Amino acid sequence: MKLRYTPIQMKCFAAEEQESPYHEKIKQFESLEGSLFIVGTLHSMLAPVAAMIKYIDPSVKINYIMTDAGALPIHFSKTVKDLKAKGIIENTITVGHSFGGDMECVNIYTGIIASKEVLNSDITIITMGPGIVGTDTKYGFTGIEQGYIIDAINSLGGTSIAIPRISFADKRERHKGISHHSITILNEIVKSRTNVVMPKINDENMKYLNKQITDVNLDDKHRIIYEDGEQIKEALNKYNLKIKTMGRGYEEDKEFFTTLGAVGKSAINLLKDRL
């Protein structure tokens, strides 16, 4: 039952239920065995990362898990519809109170397990649906879920990749360079070590990012991977994806999109290392 005890509560058939054909697979789960999971904080991160992965290697199977930190119905997302129609993502899983995915799961843990054990993902991308909530306070934003999702992946034996929110186009000082959201999550919320992908960008902005990293010792707490993400423009063009974040497209916010290109490229490299 989702949206429980509201006027619009609905009965959904969860993959974990005893009547489900997937019940035993989930019940008998032991480990993710290093499977790759990419965790973001904005819905606008989904399409560029997925497109970059497919651009590099079209054979990679990508699943998407939508959390309930943003919009709850997955059908609200035109991006998801577009990605599925173009064969960029294979399956969708809605967890918690989000609904409408190809598969429903009770929580993020079983969603993660189902993506590997049932839907056989090569790489799974996890983000909320459209509509992050923020309050200009340190902890008052729904993207904070990235922290405990990373810990969930790591505790289940997976390989986690954190997408940092990076921009030099956002006029709000708190979101300049690495957003204060990402710094809070990676510095305080995550309790385990993860892979944090940083884009290779121009020297001045790179210095700004590196200072943010060293100021809170993120390079001691996590593995920082520097990667070139410039191919993201070609990847988006190939699939004719017109993605915007906070109203800005690639030309207006290159560092945001280049970061996502770098994440996709790093994910492919980590996948190859596993094989």
C-alpha atoms as a PDB file:
ATOM      1  CA  MET A   1       0.000   0.000   0.000  1.00  0.00           C
ATOM      2  CA  LYS A   2       1.445   3.362  -1.039  1.00  0.00           C
ATOM      3  CA  LEU A   3       0.370   6.830   0.099  1.00  0.00           C
ATOM      4  CA  ARG A   4      -0.954   4.982   3.130  1.00  0.00           C
ATOM      5  CA  TYR A   5      -3.873   6.440   5.078  1.00  0.00           C
ATOM      6  CA  THR A   6      -4.404   9.293   2.641  1.00  0.00           C
ATOM      7  CA  PRO A   7      -7.543   9.733   0.496  1.00  0.00           C
ATOM      8  CA  ILE A   8      -5.593   8.412  -2.485  1.00  0.00           C
ATOM      9  CA  GLN A   9      -3.816   5.429  -0.931  1.00  0.00           C
ATOM     10  CA  MET A  10      -3.273   2.732  -3.531  1.00  0.00           C
ATOM     11  CA  LYS A  11      -2.515  -0.949  -3.553  1.00  0.00           C
ATOM     12  CA  CYS A  12       0.637  -1.850  -5.453  1.00  0.00           C
ATOM     13  CA  PHE A  13       2.088  -5.286  -6.077  1.00  0.00           C
ATOM     14  CA  ALA A  14       5.591  -5.148  -4.599  1.00  0.00           C
ATOM     15  CA  ALA A  15       8.362  -7.380  -5.864  1.00  0.00           C
ATOM     16  CA  GLU A  16       9.077  -8.563  -2.313  1.00  0.00           C
ATOM     17  CA  GLU A  17       5.588  -9.904  -1.584  1.00  0.00           C
ATOM     18  CA  GLN A  18       5.141 -13.605  -0.926  1.00  0.00           C
ATOM     19  CA  GLU A  19       2.897 -13.952  -3.974  1.00  0.00           C
ATOM     20  CA  SER A  20       5.512 -12.328  -6.189  1.00  0.00           C
ATOM     21  CA  PRO A  21       7.531 -14.530  -8.572  1.00  0.00           C
ATOM     22  CA  TYR A  22      10.573 -12.579  -7.370  1.00  0.00           C
ATOM     23  CA  HIS A  23       9.992 -13.176  -3.653  1.00  0.00           C
ATOM     24  CA  GLU A  24      12.500 -16.004  -3.333  1.00  0.00           C
ATOM     25  CA  LYS A  25      15.240 -14.210  -5.245  1.00  0.00           C
ATOM     26  CA  ILE A  26      14.955 -11.206  -2.960  1.00  0.00           C
ATOM     27  CA  LYS A  27      14.601 -13.362   0.133  1.00  0.00           C
ATOM     28  CA  GLN A  28      17.723 -15.353  -0.697  1.00  0.00           C
ATOM     29  CA  PHE A  29      19.839 -12.303  -1.526  1.00  0.00           C
ATOM     30  CA  GLU A  30      23.316 -12.283  -0.005  1.00  0.00           C
ATOM     31  CA  SER A  31      25.446  -9.649  -1.749  1.00  0.00           C
ATOM     32  CA  LEU A  32      25.495  -7.156  -4.610  1.00  0.00           C
ATOM     33  CA  GLU A  33      28.949  -8.543  -5.443  1.00  0.00           C
ATOM     34  CA  GLY A  34      30.317  -5.152  -6.430  1.00  0.00           C
ATOM     35  CA  SER A  35      27.491  -4.175  -8.788  1.00  0.00           C
ATOM     36  CA  LEU A  36      27.531  -0.508  -9.800  1.00  0.00           C
ATOM     37  CA  PHE A  37      25.033   2.023  -8.468  1.00  0.00           C
ATOM     38  CA  ILE A  38      25.169   5.744  -9.256  1.00  0.00           C
ATOM     39  CA  VAL A  39      23.399   8.050  -6.800  1.00  0.00           C
ATOM     40  CA  GLY A  40      22.310  11.600  -7.623  1.00  0.00           C
ATOM     41  CA  THR A  41      20.375  14.367  -5.924  1.00  0.00           C
ATOM     42  CA  LEU A  42      18.429  15.903  -8.817  1.00  0.00           C
ATOM     43  CA  HIS A  43      16.148  14.328 -11.406  1.00  0.00           C
ATOM     44  CA  SER A  44      17.961  16.335 -14.099  1.00  0.00           C
ATOM     45  CA  MET A  45      21.077  14.241 -13.438  1.00  0.00           C
ATOM     46  CA  LEU A  46      19.453  11.045 -14.714  1.00  0.00           C
ATOM     47  CA  ALA A  47      19.330  11.587 -18.470  1.00  0.00           C
ATOM     48  CA  PRO A  48      22.854  12.973 -19.027  1.00  0.00           C
ATOM     49  CA  VAL A  49      24.510  10.200 -16.997  1.00  0.00           C
ATOM     50  CA  ALA A  50      22.478   7.486 -18.715  1.00  0.00           C
ATOM     51  CA  ALA A  51      23.068   8.999 -22.153  1.00  0.00           C
ATOM     52  CA  MET A  52      26.821   9.190 -21.592  1.00  0.00           C
ATOM     53  CA  ILE A  53      26.967   5.539 -20.541  1.00  0.00           C
ATOM     54  CA  LYS A  54      25.007   4.412 -23.606  1.00  0.00           C
ATOM     55  CA  TYR A  55      27.011   6.708 -25.873  1.00  0.00           C
ATOM     56  CA  ILE A  56      30.223   4.972 -24.801  1.00  0.00           C
ATOM     57  CA  ASP A  57      28.835   1.436 -24.650  1.00  0.00           C
ATOM     58  CA  PRO A  58      25.320   0.795 -26.040  1.00  0.00           C
ATOM     59  CA  SER A  59      25.368  -2.779 -24.691  1.00  0.00           C
ATOM     60  CA  VAL A  60      25.278  -1.689 -21.034  1.00  0.00           C
ATOM     61  CA  LYS A  61      21.960  -2.381 -19.306  1.00  0.00           C
ATOM     62  CA  ILE A  62      20.814   0.574 -17.205  1.00  0.00           C
ATOM     63  CA  ASN A  63      18.001   0.486 -14.660  1.00  0.00           C
ATOM     64  CA  TYR A  64      16.574   3.509 -12.884  1.00  0.00           C
ATOM     65  CA  ILE A  65      15.338   3.620  -9.305  1.00  0.00           C
ATOM     66  CA  MET A  66      13.102   6.585  -8.472  1.00  0.00           C
ATOM     67  CA  THR A  67      12.894   7.494  -4.799  1.00  0.00           C
ATOM     68  CA  ASP A  68      10.051   9.338  -3.088  1.00  0.00           C
ATOM     69  CA  ALA A  69      12.032  12.507  -2.291  1.00  0.00           C
ATOM     70  CA  GLY A  70      10.513  14.403  -5.229  1.00  0.00           C
ATOM     71  CA  ALA A  71       7.436  13.794  -7.371  1.00  0.00           C
ATOM     72  CA  LEU A  72       5.736  10.520  -6.464  1.00  0.00           C
ATOM     73  CA  PRO A  73       4.210   9.357  -9.788  1.00  0.00           C
ATOM     74  CA  ILE A  74       6.928   8.324 -12.228  1.00  0.00           C
ATOM     75  CA  HIS A  75       4.599   9.184 -15.101  1.00  0.00           C
ATOM     76  CA  PHE A  76       5.084  12.853 -14.198  1.00  0.00           C
ATOM     77  CA  SER A  77       8.597  12.573 -15.629  1.00  0.00           C
ATOM     78  CA  LYS A  78       8.799  13.231 -19.369  1.00  0.00           C
ATOM     79  CA  THR A  79      12.488  12.414 -19.091  1.00  0.00           C
ATOM     80  CA  VAL A  80      11.841   8.835 -18.016  1.00  0.00           C
ATOM     81  CA  LYS A  81       9.335   8.321 -20.823  1.00  0.00           C
ATOM     82  CA  ASP A  82      11.876   9.662 -23.325  1.00  0.00           C
ATOM     83  CA  LEU A  83      14.754   7.551 -21.989  1.00  0.00           C
ATOM     84  CA  LYS A  84      12.697   4.373 -22.148  1.00  0.00           C
ATOM     85  CA  ALA A  85      11.373   5.117 -25.636  1.00  0.00           C
ATOM     86  CA  LYS A  86      14.934   5.607 -26.894  1.00  0.00           C
ATOM     87  CA  GLY A  87      16.209   2.465 -25.197  1.00  0.00           C
ATOM     88  CA  ILE A  88      18.620   4.349 -22.955  1.00  0.00           C
ATOM     89  CA  ILE A  89      17.222   2.876 -19.751  1.00  0.00           C
ATOM     90  CA  GLU A  90      15.748  -0.607 -19.563  1.00  0.00           C
ATOM     91  CA  ASN A  91      13.618  -0.794 -16.431  1.00  0.00           C
ATOM     92  CA  THR A  92      12.301   1.515 -13.732  1.00  0.00           C
ATOM     93  CA  ILE A  93      11.737   0.747 -10.059  1.00  0.00           C
ATOM     94  CA  THR A  94       9.695   2.995  -7.797  1.00  0.00           C
ATOM     95  CA  VAL A  95      10.447   2.697  -4.089  1.00  0.00           C
ATOM     96  CA  GLY A  96       8.837   3.953  -0.913  1.00  0.00           C
ATOM     97  CA  HIS A  97       5.772   6.037  -1.768  1.00  0.00           C
ATOM     98  CA  SER A  98       6.800   6.738  -5.363  1.00  0.00           C
ATOM     99  CA  PHE A  99       4.773   4.657  -7.782  1.00  0.00           C
ATOM    100  CA  GLY A 100       4.217   3.663 -11.389  1.00  0.00           C
ATOM    101  CA  GLY A 101       7.527   2.006 -12.206  1.00  0.00           C
ATOM    102  CA  ASP A 102       7.955  -1.248 -14.074  1.00  0.00           C
ATOM    103  CA  MET A 103       8.530  -2.708 -10.625  1.00  0.00           C
ATOM    104  CA  GLU A 104       7.388  -1.530  -7.196  1.00  0.00           C
ATOM    105  CA  CYS A 105       9.472  -2.042  -4.073  1.00  0.00           C
ATOM    106  CA  VAL A 106       8.834  -1.326  -0.416  1.00  0.00           C
ATOM    107  CA  ASN A 107      12.068   0.554   0.249  1.00  0.00           C
ATOM    108  CA  ILE A 108      15.402   1.562  -1.229  1.00  0.00           C
ATOM    109  CA  TYR A 109      17.189  -1.563   0.043  1.00  0.00           C
ATOM    110  CA  THR A 110      14.885  -3.977  -1.726  1.00  0.00           C
ATOM    111  CA  GLY A 111      14.814  -1.690  -4.762  1.00  0.00           C
ATOM    112  CA  ILE A 112      18.589  -1.941  -4.974  1.00  0.00           C
ATOM    113  CA  ILE A 113      18.473  -5.716  -4.506  1.00  0.00           C
ATOM    114  CA  ALA A 114      15.744  -6.127  -7.136  1.00  0.00           C
ATOM    115  CA  SER A 115      17.657  -4.088  -9.706  1.00  0.00           C
ATOM    116  CA  LYS A 116      20.549  -6.541  -9.550  1.00  0.00           C
ATOM    117  CA  GLU A 117      18.921  -9.859  -8.656  1.00  0.00           C
ATOM    118  CA  VAL A 118      15.680  -9.593 -10.623  1.00  0.00           C
ATOM    119  CA  LEU A 119      16.258  -7.042 -13.393  1.00  0.00           C
ATOM    120  CA  ASN A 120      19.943  -7.890 -13.945  1.00  0.00           C
ATOM    121  CA  SER A 121      21.312  -4.374 -14.243  1.00  0.00           C
ATOM    122  CA  ASP A 122      24.868  -3.607 -15.298  1.00  0.00           C
ATOM    123  CA  ILE A 123      24.539  -0.114 -13.858  1.00  0.00           C
ATOM    124  CA  THR A 124      21.682   1.331 -11.806  1.00  0.00           C
ATOM    125  CA  ILE A 125      21.051   5.066 -11.479  1.00  0.00           C
ATOM    126  CA  ILE A 126      19.200   6.274  -8.382  1.00  0.00           C
ATOM    127  CA  THR A 127      17.652   9.730  -8.100  1.00  0.00           C
ATOM    128  CA  MET A 128      14.440  11.306  -6.929  1.00  0.00           C
ATOM    129  CA  GLY A 129      11.693  12.269  -9.347  1.00  0.00           C
ATOM    130  CA  PRO A 130      11.232  15.883 -10.467  1.00  0.00           C
ATOM    131  CA  GLY A 131      11.011  18.473  -7.721  1.00  0.00           C
ATOM    132  CA  ILE A 132      13.709  18.594  -5.044  1.00  0.00           C
ATOM    133  CA  VAL A 133      12.768  20.411  -1.837  1.00  0.00           C
ATOM    134  CA  GLY A 134      15.285  22.862  -0.354  1.00  0.00           C
ATOM    135  CA  THR A 135      15.083  25.434   2.443  1.00  0.00           C
ATOM    136  CA  ASP A 136      18.444  27.270   2.459  1.00  0.00           C
ATOM    137  CA  THR A 137      19.380  25.342   5.598  1.00  0.00           C
ATOM    138  CA  LYS A 138      22.187  22.850   6.030  1.00  0.00           C
ATOM    139  CA  TYR A 139      20.068  19.735   6.419  1.00  0.00           C
ATOM    140  CA  GLY A 140      16.655  20.808   5.133  1.00  0.00           C
ATOM    141  CA  PHE A 141      16.644  19.374   1.616  1.00  0.00           C
ATOM    142  CA  THR A 142      15.320  16.112   0.262  1.00  0.00           C
ATOM    143  CA  GLY A 143      18.499  15.371  -1.685  1.00  0.00           C
ATOM    144  CA  ILE A 144      20.094  14.493   1.650  1.00  0.00           C
ATOM    145  CA  GLU A 145      18.837  10.961   0.941  1.00  0.00           C
ATOM    146  CA  GLN A 146      21.915  10.511  -1.271  1.00  0.00           C
ATOM    147  CA  GLY A 147      23.957   9.925   1.879  1.00  0.00           C
ATOM    148  CA  TYR A 148      22.048   7.025   3.320  1.00  0.00           C
ATOM    149  CA  ILE A 149      21.438   5.505  -0.114  1.00  0.00           C
ATOM    150  CA  ILE A 150      25.205   5.360  -0.656  1.00  0.00           C
ATOM    151  CA  ASP A 151      25.572   3.680   2.730  1.00  0.00           C
ATOM    152  CA  ALA A 152      22.829   1.208   1.797  1.00  0.00           C
ATOM    153  CA  ILE A 153      24.650   0.242  -1.409  1.00  0.00           C
ATOM    154  CA  ASN A 154      27.947  -0.181   0.391  1.00  0.00           C
ATOM    155  CA  SER A 155      26.420  -2.197   3.235  1.00  0.00           C
ATOM    156  CA  LEU A 156      24.856  -4.566   0.686  1.00  0.00           C
ATOM    157  CA  GLY A 157      28.198  -5.164  -1.015  1.00  0.00           C
ATOM    158  CA  GLY A 158      27.779  -2.851  -3.996  1.00  0.00           C
ATOM    159  CA  THR A 159      30.023  -0.236  -5.603  1.00  0.00           C
ATOM    160  CA  SER A 160      28.618   3.249  -5.110  1.00  0.00           C
ATOM    161  CA  ILE A 161      29.302   6.345  -7.182  1.00  0.00           C
ATOM    162  CA  ALA A 162      28.225   9.739  -5.837  1.00  0.00           C
ATOM    163  CA  ILE A 163      27.232  12.475  -8.277  1.00  0.00           C
ATOM    164  CA  PRO A 164      28.324  15.841  -6.862  1.00  0.00           C
ATOM    165  CA  ARG A 165      26.130  18.799  -7.723  1.00  0.00           C
ATOM    166  CA  ILE A 166      28.512  21.230  -9.430  1.00  0.00           C
ATOM    167  CA  SER A 167      27.761  24.550 -11.097  1.00  0.00           C
ATOM    168  CA  PHE A 168      29.393  27.895 -11.764  1.00  0.00           C
ATOM    169  CA  ALA A 169      26.240  29.290 -13.377  1.00  0.00           C
ATOM    170  CA  ASP A 170      24.003  29.201 -10.302  1.00  0.00           C
ATOM    171  CA  LYS A 171      23.852  32.741  -8.860  1.00  0.00           C
ATOM    172  CA  ARG A 172      23.309  31.444  -5.336  1.00  0.00           C
ATOM    173  CA  GLU A 173      26.639  31.450  -3.523  1.00  0.00           C
ATOM    174  CA  ARG A 174      25.766  28.314  -1.556  1.00  0.00           C
ATOM    175  CA  HIS A 175      25.552  26.351  -4.814  1.00  0.00           C
ATOM    176  CA  LYS A 176      28.769  27.725  -6.394  1.00  0.00           C
ATOM    177  CA  GLY A 177      31.236  25.029  -7.356  1.00  0.00           C
ATOM    178  CA  ILE A 178      30.344  21.984  -5.294  1.00  0.00           C
ATOM    179  CA  SER A 179      26.907  22.727  -3.859  1.00  0.00           C
ATOM    180  CA  HIS A 180      26.612  22.945  -0.087  1.00  0.00           C
ATOM    181  CA  HIS A 181      24.153  20.052  -0.457  1.00  0.00           C
ATOM    182  CA  SER A 182      26.885  17.777  -1.793  1.00  0.00           C
ATOM    183  CA  ILE A 183      29.457  18.939   0.743  1.00  0.00           C
ATOM    184  CA  THR A 184      27.054  18.294   3.623  1.00  0.00           C
ATOM    185  CA  ILE A 185      26.199  14.822   2.327  1.00  0.00           C
ATOM    186  CA  LEU A 186      29.753  13.724   1.580  1.00  0.00           C
ATOM    187  CA  ASN A 187      31.276  15.303   4.666  1.00  0.00           C
ATOM    188  CA  GLU A 188      28.659  14.521   7.312  1.00  0.00           C
ATOM    189  CA  ILE A 189      25.871  12.212   6.172  1.00  0.00           C
ATOM    190  CA  VAL A 190      27.692   9.384   4.370  1.00  0.00           C
ATOM    191  CA  LYS A 191      29.291   7.024   6.890  1.00  0.00           C
ATOM    192  CA  SER A 192      31.099   4.820   4.377  1.00  0.00           C
ATOM    193  CA  ARG A 193      33.643   5.436   1.615  1.00  0.00           C
ATOM    194  CA  THR A 194      32.341   6.095  -1.885  1.00  0.00           C
ATOM    195  CA  ASN A 195      33.590   7.089  -5.339  1.00  0.00           C
ATOM    196  CA  VAL A 196      33.135  10.809  -6.005  1.00  0.00           C
ATOM    197  CA  VAL A 197      33.614  11.837  -9.630  1.00  0.00           C
ATOM    198  CA  MET A 198      34.955  15.315 -10.373  1.00  0.00           C
ATOM    199  CA  PRO A 199      35.105  16.798 -13.881  1.00  0.00           C
ATOM    200  CA  LYS A 200      38.324  17.995 -15.472  1.00  0.00           C
ATOM    201  CA  ILE A 201      37.533  21.646 -16.197  1.00  0.00           C
ATOM    202  CA  ASN A 202      39.424  24.929 -16.676  1.00  0.00           C
ATOM    203  CA  ASP A 203      42.202  25.727 -14.199  1.00  0.00           C
ATOM    204  CA  GLU A 204      40.461  28.531 -12.304  1.00  0.00           C
ATOM    205  CA  ASN A 205      37.284  26.555 -11.610  1.00  0.00           C
ATOM    206  CA  MET A 206      39.290  23.390 -10.934  1.00  0.00           C
ATOM    207  CA  LYS A 207      41.242  25.225  -8.224  1.00  0.00           C
ATOM    208  CA  TYR A 208      37.961  26.338  -6.674  1.00  0.00           C
ATOM    209  CA  LEU A 209      36.662  22.752  -6.595  1.00  0.00           C
ATOM    210  CA  ASN A 210      39.900  21.369  -5.198  1.00  0.00           C
ATOM    211  CA  LYS A 211      39.902  23.949  -2.413  1.00  0.00           C
ATOM    212  CA  GLN A 212      36.348  22.935  -1.493  1.00  0.00           C
ATOM    213  CA  ILE A 213      37.471  19.297  -1.378  1.00  0.00           C
ATOM    214  CA  THR A 214      40.525  19.912   0.788  1.00  0.00           C
ATOM    215  CA  ASP A 215      38.761  22.383   3.107  1.00  0.00           C
ATOM    216  CA  VAL A 216      36.662  19.529   4.518  1.00  0.00           C
ATOM    217  CA  ASN A 217      39.092  16.674   3.741  1.00  0.00           C
ATOM    218  CA  LEU A 218      36.769  14.924   1.302  1.00  0.00           C
ATOM    219  CA  ASP A 219      39.805  13.379  -0.366  1.00  0.00           C
ATOM    220  CA  ASP A 220      40.614  11.572   2.887  1.00  0.00           C
ATOM    221  CA  LYS A 221      37.056  10.319   3.376  1.00  0.00           C
ATOM    222  CA  HIS A 222      36.312   9.225  -0.188  1.00  0.00           C
ATOM    223  CA  ARG A 223      37.973   8.180  -3.416  1.00  0.00           C
ATOM    224  CA  ILE A 224      38.038  11.228  -5.701  1.00  0.00           C
ATOM    225  CA  ILE A 225      38.082  10.342  -9.401  1.00  0.00           C
ATOM    226  CA  TYR A 226      38.988  13.062 -11.915  1.00  0.00           C
ATOM    227  CA  GLU A 227      37.557  12.401 -15.349  1.00  0.00           C
ATOM    228  CA  ASP A 228      36.953  14.220 -18.623  1.00  0.00           C
ATOM    229  CA  GLY A 229      33.255  14.670 -19.322  1.00  0.00           C
ATOM    230  CA  GLU A 230      33.372  16.844 -22.425  1.00  0.00           C
ATOM    231  CA  GLN A 231      31.716  14.190 -24.599  1.00  0.00           C
ATOM    232  CA  ILE A 232      28.434  14.831 -22.820  1.00  0.00           C
ATOM    233  CA  LYS A 233      27.428  17.347 -25.493  1.00  0.00           C
ATOM    234  CA  GLU A 234      27.825  14.722 -28.217  1.00  0.00           C
ATOM    235  CA  ALA A 235      25.958  12.150 -26.130  1.00  0.00           C
ATOM    236  CA  LEU A 236      22.998  14.454 -25.550  1.00  0.00           C
ATOM    237  CA  ASN A 237      22.918  15.420 -29.223  1.00  0.00           C
ATOM    238  CA  LYS A 238      23.074  11.794 -30.360  1.00  0.00           C
ATOM    239  CA  TYR A 239      19.927  10.955 -28.426  1.00  0.00           C
ATOM    240  CA  ASN A 240      18.313  14.351 -29.038  1.00  0.00           C
ATOM    241  CA  LEU A 241      17.924  15.041 -25.326  1.00  0.00           C
ATOM    242  CA  LYS A 242      17.090  18.643 -24.418  1.00  0.00           C
ATOM    243  CA  ILE A 243      17.782  18.504 -20.695  1.00  0.00           C
ATOM    244  CA  LYS A 244      17.717  21.522 -18.413  1.00  0.00           C
ATOM    245  CA  THR A 245      18.603  21.938 -14.771  1.00  0.00           C
ATOM    246  CA  MET A 246      17.070  24.838 -12.871  1.00  0.00           C
ATOM    247  CA  GLY A 247      16.086  26.209 -16.293  1.00  0.00           C
ATOM    248  CA  ARG A 248      19.627  26.027 -17.689  1.00  0.00           C
ATOM    249  CA  GLY A 249      20.809  23.844 -20.553  1.00  0.00           C
ATOM    250  CA  TYR A 250      24.296  22.678 -21.492  1.00  0.00           C
ATOM    251  CA  GLU A 251      25.456  26.011 -22.927  1.00  0.00           C
ATOM    252  CA  GLU A 252      24.324  27.928 -19.820  1.00  0.00           C
ATOM    253  CA  ASP A 253      25.698  25.471 -17.239  1.00  0.00           C
ATOM    254  CA  LYS A 254      28.538  23.489 -18.817  1.00  0.00           C
ATOM    255  CA  GLU A 255      30.168  22.400 -15.573  1.00  0.00           C
ATOM    256  CA  PHE A 256      26.954  20.793 -14.316  1.00  0.00           C
ATOM    257  CA  PHE A 257      26.608  18.707 -17.469  1.00  0.00           C
ATOM    258  CA  THR A 258      30.332  18.013 -17.822  1.00  0.00           C
ATOM    259  CA  THR A 259      30.246  16.546 -14.315  1.00  0.00           C
ATOM    260  CA  LEU A 260      27.500  14.155 -15.405  1.00  0.00           C
ATOM    261  CA  GLY A 261      29.498  13.190 -18.476  1.00  0.00           C
ATOM    262  CA  ALA A 262      32.465  12.455 -16.230  1.00  0.00           C
ATOM    263  CA  VAL A 263      30.277  10.306 -13.974  1.00  0.00           C
ATOM    264  CA  GLY A 264      29.025   8.260 -16.922  1.00  0.00           C
ATOM    265  CA  LYS A 265      32.534   7.752 -18.265  1.00  0.00           C
ATOM    266  CA  SER A 266      33.869   6.758 -14.836  1.00  0.00           C
ATOM    267  CA  ALA A 267      31.019   4.282 -14.402  1.00  0.00           C
ATOM    268  CA  ILE A 268      32.011   2.547 -17.637  1.00  0.00           C
ATOM    269  CA  ASN A 269      35.631   2.382 -16.478  1.00  0.00           C
ATOM    270  CA  LEU A 270      34.629   0.917 -13.118  1.00  0.00           C
ATOM    271  CA  LEU A 271      32.371  -1.592 -14.873  1.00  0.00           C
ATOM    272  CA  LYS A 272      35.262  -2.721 -17.079  1.00  0.00           C
ATOM    273  CA  ASP A 273      37.450  -3.116 -13.992  1.00  0.00           C
ATOM    274  CA  ARG A 274      34.892  -5.561 -12.564  1.00  0.00           C
ATOM    275  CA  LEU A 275      34.717  -7.726 -15.686  1.00  0.00           C
END
